[in-house]
Amino acid sequence: MHSIRERIELWHKHLPRVHIHYAVKTNVDTEVLTEAHRKGCGFDCASMFEINKILSIGADPENIIFAHPCKTEHMIKYAKQVGVRWFTFDSEEEAQKLHRLFPEAQLILRIAV
């Protein structure tokens, strides 16, 4: 825990206006996720399991970005039901699917550089 706490504090010190979204797939350990939540991080989730894990530690669904590159209709409807509003997309088809199923969603365009 010491390491993640130090890294988040270092990030806040040097980049105070940049909000961290921890990629849950890198480590789903509850203690790590809880510490990231305590330190004010948001979360990048790629599955319903990860969304559930983050909600179970008390995080606000507004602080979750659903970042799976090709979400099924079921996944989108589930995320909407539990209050997740932020979604990544990297294709026209994904944007159209999100708009059709959840027109109020907040979208983040993912660009490969």
N, C-alpha and C. Protein backbone atom coordinates (compact mmCIF):
# COMPACT_ATOMS: atom_id res chain seq x y z
N MET A 1 0.82 -1.20 0.00
CA MET A 1 0.00 0.00 0.00
C MET A 1 0.86 1.26 0.00
N HIS A 2 1.99 1.14 0.65
CA HIS A 2 2.87 2.29 0.75
C HIS A 2 3.25 2.83 -0.63
N SER A 3 3.56 1.93 -1.55
CA SER A 3 4.00 2.32 -2.88
C SER A 3 2.90 3.05 -3.66
N ILE A 4 1.69 2.50 -3.66
CA ILE A 4 0.61 3.16 -4.41
C ILE A 4 0.29 4.51 -3.79
N ARG A 5 0.29 4.59 -2.48
CA ARG A 5 0.02 5.86 -1.80
C ARG A 5 1.06 6.91 -2.21
N GLU A 6 2.33 6.52 -2.19
CA GLU A 6 3.41 7.45 -2.56
C GLU A 6 3.28 7.88 -4.02
N ARG A 7 2.97 6.96 -4.90
CA ARG A 7 2.87 7.29 -6.32
C ARG A 7 1.70 8.24 -6.60
N ILE A 8 0.58 8.02 -5.95
CA ILE A 8 -0.56 8.90 -6.13
C ILE A 8 -0.24 10.29 -5.58
N GLU A 9 0.38 10.35 -4.42
CA GLU A 9 0.75 11.64 -3.84
C GLU A 9 1.75 12.38 -4.73
N LEU A 10 2.69 11.65 -5.31
CA LEU A 10 3.66 12.26 -6.22
C LEU A 10 2.96 12.81 -7.46
N TRP A 11 2.02 12.04 -7.98
CA TRP A 11 1.24 12.49 -9.13
C TRP A 11 0.49 13.78 -8.79
N HIS A 12 -0.19 13.81 -7.66
CA HIS A 12 -0.95 15.00 -7.25
C HIS A 12 -0.03 16.21 -7.05
N LYS A 13 1.15 15.96 -6.55
CA LYS A 13 2.11 17.05 -6.31
C LYS A 13 2.56 17.69 -7.62
N HIS A 14 2.89 16.85 -8.61
CA HIS A 14 3.46 17.37 -9.84
C HIS A 14 2.43 17.66 -10.94
N LEU A 15 1.27 17.04 -10.88
CA LEU A 15 0.22 17.25 -11.88
C LEU A 15 -1.13 17.43 -11.16
N PRO A 16 -1.26 18.48 -10.38
CA PRO A 16 -2.45 18.63 -9.53
C PRO A 16 -3.76 18.77 -10.29
N ARG A 17 -3.74 19.21 -11.53
CA ARG A 17 -4.98 19.41 -12.27
C ARG A 17 -5.38 18.19 -13.11
N VAL A 18 -4.55 17.15 -13.10
CA VAL A 18 -4.84 15.93 -13.86
C VAL A 18 -5.45 14.90 -12.92
N HIS A 19 -6.62 14.43 -13.29
CA HIS A 19 -7.34 13.46 -12.45
C HIS A 19 -6.95 12.04 -12.86
N ILE A 20 -6.55 11.23 -11.92
CA ILE A 20 -6.14 9.85 -12.16
C ILE A 20 -7.36 8.94 -12.29
N HIS A 21 -7.33 8.08 -13.30
CA HIS A 21 -8.29 6.99 -13.43
C HIS A 21 -7.48 5.70 -13.46
N TYR A 22 -7.49 4.99 -12.35
CA TYR A 22 -6.70 3.78 -12.17
C TYR A 22 -7.27 2.66 -13.04
N ALA A 23 -6.43 2.03 -13.85
CA ALA A 23 -6.87 0.90 -14.69
C ALA A 23 -7.01 -0.34 -13.81
N VAL A 24 -8.22 -0.71 -13.52
CA VAL A 24 -8.51 -1.80 -12.59
C VAL A 24 -7.88 -3.11 -13.04
N LYS A 25 -7.83 -3.34 -14.34
CA LYS A 25 -7.28 -4.61 -14.84
C LYS A 25 -5.82 -4.83 -14.44
N THR A 26 -5.11 -3.77 -14.06
CA THR A 26 -3.71 -3.93 -13.68
C THR A 26 -3.53 -4.58 -12.32
N ASN A 27 -4.53 -4.43 -11.44
CA ASN A 27 -4.47 -5.03 -10.12
C ASN A 27 -5.84 -4.91 -9.47
N VAL A 28 -6.52 -6.03 -9.29
CA VAL A 28 -7.88 -6.00 -8.72
C VAL A 28 -7.89 -6.26 -7.21
N ASP A 29 -6.73 -6.18 -6.58
CA ASP A 29 -6.65 -6.37 -5.13
C ASP A 29 -7.48 -5.30 -4.43
N THR A 30 -8.37 -5.73 -3.55
CA THR A 30 -9.28 -4.82 -2.87
C THR A 30 -8.54 -3.74 -2.08
N GLU A 31 -7.44 -4.09 -1.43
CA GLU A 31 -6.68 -3.09 -0.66
C GLU A 31 -6.10 -2.01 -1.56
N VAL A 32 -5.57 -2.40 -2.70
CA VAL A 32 -5.00 -1.44 -3.65
C VAL A 32 -6.11 -0.51 -4.16
N LEU A 33 -7.23 -1.09 -4.56
CA LEU A 33 -8.34 -0.29 -5.09
C LEU A 33 -8.91 0.64 -4.03
N THR A 34 -9.02 0.15 -2.80
CA THR A 34 -9.53 0.98 -1.71
C THR A 34 -8.60 2.16 -1.44
N GLU A 35 -7.30 1.92 -1.46
CA GLU A 35 -6.34 3.00 -1.24
C GLU A 35 -6.42 4.02 -2.38
N ALA A 36 -6.53 3.55 -3.60
CA ALA A 36 -6.68 4.47 -4.74
C ALA A 36 -7.95 5.30 -4.58
N HIS A 37 -9.03 4.68 -4.14
CA HIS A 37 -10.30 5.39 -3.91
C HIS A 37 -10.13 6.43 -2.80
N ARG A 38 -9.48 6.04 -1.70
CA ARG A 38 -9.24 6.98 -0.58
C ARG A 38 -8.45 8.20 -1.03
N LYS A 39 -7.54 7.98 -1.98
CA LYS A 39 -6.68 9.06 -2.47
C LYS A 39 -7.33 9.87 -3.58
N GLY A 40 -8.60 9.57 -3.90
CA GLY A 40 -9.34 10.38 -4.84
C GLY A 40 -9.26 9.97 -6.29
N CYS A 41 -8.79 8.77 -6.55
CA CYS A 41 -8.70 8.31 -7.94
C CYS A 41 -10.07 7.92 -8.48
N GLY A 42 -10.21 8.08 -9.78
CA GLY A 42 -11.32 7.49 -10.51
C GLY A 42 -10.84 6.13 -11.01
N PHE A 43 -11.68 5.45 -11.77
CA PHE A 43 -11.33 4.10 -12.20
C PHE A 43 -11.67 3.86 -13.66
N ASP A 44 -10.79 3.17 -14.34
CA ASP A 44 -10.95 2.73 -15.72
C ASP A 44 -11.30 1.25 -15.64
N CYS A 45 -12.54 0.91 -15.97
CA CYS A 45 -13.01 -0.48 -15.89
C CYS A 45 -13.27 -1.03 -17.28
N ALA A 46 -12.89 -2.30 -17.49
CA ALA A 46 -13.05 -2.93 -18.79
C ALA A 46 -14.07 -4.07 -18.76
N SER A 47 -14.74 -4.28 -17.64
CA SER A 47 -15.72 -5.37 -17.56
C SER A 47 -16.75 -5.06 -16.48
N MET A 48 -17.83 -5.82 -16.51
CA MET A 48 -18.85 -5.67 -15.47
C MET A 48 -18.29 -6.12 -14.13
N PHE A 49 -17.43 -7.15 -14.12
CA PHE A 49 -16.77 -7.59 -12.89
C PHE A 49 -15.99 -6.42 -12.26
N GLU A 50 -15.23 -5.71 -13.08
CA GLU A 50 -14.44 -4.59 -12.55
C GLU A 50 -15.34 -3.47 -12.04
N ILE A 51 -16.41 -3.17 -12.76
CA ILE A 51 -17.36 -2.15 -12.28
C ILE A 51 -17.92 -2.56 -10.93
N ASN A 52 -18.35 -3.82 -10.80
CA ASN A 52 -18.89 -4.31 -9.53
C ASN A 52 -17.86 -4.21 -8.42
N LYS A 53 -16.63 -4.56 -8.71
CA LYS A 53 -15.54 -4.49 -7.72
C LYS A 53 -15.38 -3.05 -7.22
N ILE A 54 -15.38 -2.11 -8.12
CA ILE A 54 -15.20 -0.70 -7.74
C ILE A 54 -16.40 -0.19 -6.96
N LEU A 55 -17.60 -0.54 -7.38
CA LEU A 55 -18.78 -0.13 -6.63
C LEU A 55 -18.78 -0.74 -5.24
N SER A 56 -18.25 -1.95 -5.09
CA SER A 56 -18.25 -2.63 -3.79
C SER A 56 -17.33 -1.95 -2.78
N ILE A 57 -16.36 -1.15 -3.24
CA ILE A 57 -15.49 -0.43 -2.30
C ILE A 57 -16.05 0.95 -1.97
N GLY A 58 -17.23 1.26 -2.52
CA GLY A 58 -17.89 2.53 -2.19
C GLY A 58 -17.63 3.67 -3.15
N ALA A 59 -17.01 3.38 -4.30
CA ALA A 59 -16.74 4.45 -5.27
C ALA A 59 -18.04 4.89 -5.93
N ASP A 60 -18.08 6.15 -6.30
CA ASP A 60 -19.21 6.74 -7.00
C ASP A 60 -19.15 6.30 -8.46
N PRO A 61 -20.26 5.82 -9.03
CA PRO A 61 -20.23 5.42 -10.44
C PRO A 61 -19.84 6.56 -11.38
N GLU A 62 -20.01 7.81 -10.95
CA GLU A 62 -19.59 8.96 -11.76
C GLU A 62 -18.07 8.99 -11.94
N ASN A 63 -17.34 8.28 -11.09
CA ASN A 63 -15.88 8.25 -11.18
C ASN A 63 -15.36 7.01 -11.90
N ILE A 64 -16.25 6.35 -12.63
CA ILE A 64 -15.88 5.16 -13.40
C ILE A 64 -15.98 5.48 -14.89
N ILE A 65 -14.95 5.11 -15.62
CA ILE A 65 -14.98 5.15 -17.07
C ILE A 65 -15.05 3.70 -17.55
N PHE A 66 -16.06 3.37 -18.34
CA PHE A 66 -16.18 2.02 -18.88
C PHE A 66 -15.39 1.99 -20.19
N ALA A 67 -14.25 1.33 -20.15
CA ALA A 67 -13.28 1.44 -21.24
C ALA A 67 -13.10 0.18 -22.08
N HIS A 68 -14.03 -0.74 -22.02
CA HIS A 68 -13.93 -1.91 -22.90
C HIS A 68 -14.07 -1.43 -24.35
N PRO A 69 -13.21 -1.89 -25.27
CA PRO A 69 -13.25 -1.36 -26.63
C PRO A 69 -14.48 -1.77 -27.44
N CYS A 70 -15.13 -2.88 -27.08
CA CYS A 70 -16.29 -3.34 -27.85
C CYS A 70 -17.33 -3.87 -26.87
N LYS A 71 -18.14 -2.98 -26.34
CA LYS A 71 -19.11 -3.33 -25.32
C LYS A 71 -20.36 -3.95 -25.96
N THR A 72 -20.87 -5.00 -25.32
CA THR A 72 -22.13 -5.58 -25.79
C THR A 72 -23.29 -4.71 -25.32
N GLU A 73 -24.45 -4.92 -25.91
CA GLU A 73 -25.64 -4.18 -25.47
C GLU A 73 -25.91 -4.44 -23.99
N HIS A 74 -25.76 -5.69 -23.58
CA HIS A 74 -25.98 -6.05 -22.18
C HIS A 74 -25.03 -5.27 -21.26
N MET A 75 -23.76 -5.16 -21.65
CA MET A 75 -22.78 -4.44 -20.83
C MET A 75 -23.14 -2.96 -20.71
N ILE A 76 -23.57 -2.36 -21.80
CA ILE A 76 -23.93 -0.94 -21.80
C ILE A 76 -25.16 -0.71 -20.92
N LYS A 77 -26.16 -1.55 -21.08
CA LYS A 77 -27.39 -1.42 -20.27
C LYS A 77 -27.09 -1.61 -18.78
N TYR A 78 -26.21 -2.55 -18.47
CA TYR A 78 -25.83 -2.78 -17.08
C TYR A 78 -25.12 -1.55 -16.50
N ALA A 79 -24.15 -1.05 -17.24
CA ALA A 79 -23.41 0.13 -16.76
C ALA A 79 -24.38 1.29 -16.52
N LYS A 80 -25.29 1.50 -17.44
CA LYS A 80 -26.29 2.57 -17.29
C LYS A 80 -27.13 2.34 -16.03
N GLN A 81 -27.56 1.11 -15.83
CA GLN A 81 -28.40 0.77 -14.67
C GLN A 81 -27.71 1.07 -13.35
N VAL A 82 -26.40 0.84 -13.26
CA VAL A 82 -25.69 1.06 -12.00
C VAL A 82 -25.13 2.48 -11.88
N GLY A 83 -25.36 3.34 -12.88
CA GLY A 83 -25.00 4.74 -12.77
C GLY A 83 -23.71 5.16 -13.45
N VAL A 84 -23.07 4.26 -14.19
CA VAL A 84 -21.87 4.64 -14.93
C VAL A 84 -22.30 5.45 -16.15
N ARG A 85 -21.68 6.62 -16.34
CA ARG A 85 -22.07 7.50 -17.45
C ARG A 85 -20.95 7.73 -18.46
N TRP A 86 -19.71 7.42 -18.09
CA TRP A 86 -18.56 7.69 -18.95
C TRP A 86 -18.14 6.42 -19.68
N PHE A 87 -17.98 6.52 -21.00
CA PHE A 87 -17.61 5.39 -21.85
C PHE A 87 -16.55 5.83 -22.86
N THR A 88 -15.60 4.95 -23.12
CA THR A 88 -14.67 5.20 -24.22
C THR A 88 -15.23 4.57 -25.49
N PHE A 89 -14.79 5.10 -26.62
CA PHE A 89 -15.10 4.49 -27.91
C PHE A 89 -13.96 4.79 -28.86
N ASP A 90 -13.78 3.92 -29.84
CA ASP A 90 -12.72 4.17 -30.81
C ASP A 90 -13.14 3.82 -32.24
N SER A 91 -14.45 3.73 -32.43
CA SER A 91 -14.97 3.48 -33.78
C SER A 91 -16.34 4.14 -33.91
N GLU A 92 -16.71 4.39 -35.14
CA GLU A 92 -18.02 4.97 -35.42
C GLU A 92 -19.14 4.03 -34.96
N GLU A 93 -18.95 2.72 -35.18
CA GLU A 93 -19.97 1.75 -34.80
C GLU A 93 -20.20 1.74 -33.29
N GLU A 94 -19.11 1.82 -32.52
CA GLU A 94 -19.25 1.84 -31.06
C GLU A 94 -19.97 3.11 -30.61
N ALA A 95 -19.64 4.25 -31.22
CA ALA A 95 -20.31 5.52 -30.87
C ALA A 95 -21.80 5.44 -31.19
N GLN A 96 -22.14 4.87 -32.33
CA GLN A 96 -23.56 4.75 -32.70
C GLN A 96 -24.31 3.82 -31.75
N LYS A 97 -23.68 2.71 -31.37
CA LYS A 97 -24.31 1.77 -30.44
C LYS A 97 -24.55 2.45 -29.09
N LEU A 98 -23.54 3.17 -28.59
CA LEU A 98 -23.69 3.88 -27.31
C LEU A 98 -24.80 4.92 -27.41
N HIS A 99 -24.84 5.67 -28.50
CA HIS A 99 -25.87 6.70 -28.66
C HIS A 99 -27.27 6.08 -28.71
N ARG A 100 -27.40 4.96 -29.39
CA ARG A 100 -28.71 4.28 -29.50
C ARG A 100 -29.19 3.76 -28.15
N LEU A 101 -28.27 3.18 -27.36
CA LEU A 101 -28.66 2.54 -26.09
C LEU A 101 -28.63 3.49 -24.89
N PHE A 102 -27.81 4.55 -24.98
CA PHE A 102 -27.62 5.43 -23.82
C PHE A 102 -27.25 6.83 -24.33
N PRO A 103 -28.22 7.53 -24.93
CA PRO A 103 -27.92 8.82 -25.55
C PRO A 103 -27.36 9.87 -24.59
N GLU A 104 -27.59 9.70 -23.30
CA GLU A 104 -27.08 10.67 -22.31
C GLU A 104 -25.65 10.35 -21.86
N ALA A 105 -25.10 9.27 -22.34
CA ALA A 105 -23.75 8.87 -21.93
C ALA A 105 -22.73 9.94 -22.29
N GLN A 106 -21.70 10.03 -21.50
CA GLN A 106 -20.57 10.91 -21.74
C GLN A 106 -19.49 10.08 -22.43
N LEU A 107 -19.04 10.51 -23.60
CA LEU A 107 -18.12 9.71 -24.38
C LEU A 107 -16.72 10.30 -24.44
N ILE A 108 -15.75 9.40 -24.40
CA ILE A 108 -14.35 9.77 -24.52
C ILE A 108 -13.80 9.04 -25.74
N LEU A 109 -13.32 9.80 -26.71
CA LEU A 109 -12.75 9.21 -27.92
C LEU A 109 -11.34 8.75 -27.63
N ARG A 110 -11.08 7.48 -27.90
CA ARG A 110 -9.75 6.90 -27.69
C ARG A 110 -9.05 6.91 -29.05
N ILE A 111 -7.89 7.56 -29.08
CA ILE A 111 -7.12 7.69 -30.32
C ILE A 111 -5.78 6.99 -30.14
N ALA A 112 -5.42 6.13 -31.06
CA ALA A 112 -4.10 5.49 -31.03
C ALA A 112 -3.11 6.40 -31.74
N VAL A 113 -2.02 6.71 -31.09
CA VAL A 113 -1.01 7.59 -31.70
C VAL A 113 0.31 6.85 -31.85
